[in-house]
Amino acid sequence: MLILSTGSMHPVTAMSMIVNLIILLSATTTSGFNIAGGAISKNNARHNIMKLHESKNDNDVSFTFEELINGNKKKYDELFPTPPESSIAFSPSIFFNREGANNNIQDYDHDSTNVEHYTKENASELLKRMYGNNKDIEKKPIALFLPGLDGVGLSACLQFPTLTKDWDLWRMAVDPTTSSQSYLDLTDASVDFLNAVLDACDNDRPVYLIGESFGGLLTTTVALRMQQQQKSPQGIVLINPATSFDETSWSNFVPLIQLLQNNNTDDNNNNAAYSVIASTIFSLALADSDQWEKISNSISNGDISQLPSTLMDSLQIVGKKLPPATLQHRLKTWLPVGTQLMTTKRLKSLEVPTLIIVGEQDKLLPSGKEVRRLAKLLPNSESLIFRKGGHMPFVNQEDNLSKLILNSKLFFPKKNKKYDPIKDWSLPTADVIENTIASTVKPVRDATSPVFFSSGPDGERKRGLSLLPS
């Protein structure tokens, strides 16, 4: 049981409590889901395929959140707010952004209307012009990426360039400055967006959903709703889905966040305390044990200045971009509601082909255990396990998410049609017939055919029958 005083709290005390929670949660969320003896099960009767995936980053599992934030990698500011010319607002705070080099949907606004932001209402005709008989748009399969708790998809942003090469990629982005969105609001907006796209392209484009962490949980709800409308997507991809959130202790963070919010001051230590919580929830699986020891020691000693500068930068970014009220709202309303909605019975009824990708070393969710539960519940699924992967297995560019999806036999089965000698036979060309006779028939004919000779009055023998008397 976690008991927190509502009175004033010294920043160092708050930071120490955070460290203890980090250690507690790290232990409780990683226990009991290792693969026994490395055995991987296969259930052909239910079309479930489970296999280990050798991540190209397995030899370097210390790829951290601060490394994602810094260097030449994509920043949070590039993911939100979404540019008006490439996104559609299906609610005042829920946007769908078209990714890729040629993502400017305003190019298809032939009316040249100067809108501040495309909305569900004024984007309908725009989508129809994009996905109608427009020869300028390559008919790639459409993919919708639903992000994790951060609401923008920061952990997978390095995958977007390769995804856009193979897919017409859209990404949900949720405004972090407001806490008005409910789980059902996110579901409704996603379903409305997919229906608008399907209507625009006359349902002739395959649609796939990709959800990471919380987005994986949301994906199952959206897919089930589309299935009920008889508009099922061709497939869904669940990356460390938060369908197991009710098996974790992350709800313990909610009263602590509230406490820090009530004790909000301009003190750098107190602000850093919340930043550590936000960064912990957002990217716990990225830090290795050595990094966590350094972080916890610095926080416990109250000496924030000893934290690595890159980590401090990342903590400040998370603290600013995911305010306490926003994080508290999402932890209290998004995740619990989603797990309550997606019961075992509802998951069993989901018939959409499902690719489940998890990191076995996920410290944020018991993904190694959850993948086995989902594989049993979902009748048409395939599972990939990153042996040394954490909660964000695709933070590394070398692990190509698009290629893994395209190589899935569940989504794109290889055609091994058995040859039918009657139905599949076709007449060979004249050249083939002539060459076959010369190379195969003639030598046999020469070796086995009878040879005739005839002789004339003078007794001379000659090949053939021309000397026989007429």
Foldseek 3Di string as FASTA:
>chain_A
DDDDDLDADDLLVLLLVVLVVLVVLLVLFQPDQDDVVPDDDDDVVLQEAEDADADPCLVPLQQAPLVCCDDPHDHPVPQPPADQQQWEAQDPFKIKGWDDPPRRLCVQVVVNDDDPHHYLVNCLVSLLSVQPPDPVDDQAAAEEEAEALLQGNSLQVLQRHVQVVRHRYMYMHGQQVDLPDFQVNVLVSVLSVVVSNCVSNVVPHAYEYEYAALGLLSVLVNQLVCVVVVNHGQEYEYELYLLQVVSGDLLVCLVSLVSLVSNPDPDPSSLLSVLVVQCCLVTVFNHDPVLSVQSSVCSNVVNPVSRDPSVVVSSVSSCVSNPSVSSSSCSVGRSVVSSVVCDLVSLLVRAREYEYEYESSASNHNSSNVVVVSSVRHSHYYYYYHDHAYSSNNSDSSRNPNVVVVPDCSSVNDDPDDDDCPPNDDDDDPVVVVVCCVVPVVVVCVVPPDWDWDAAPVRDIDTDDPRDDD
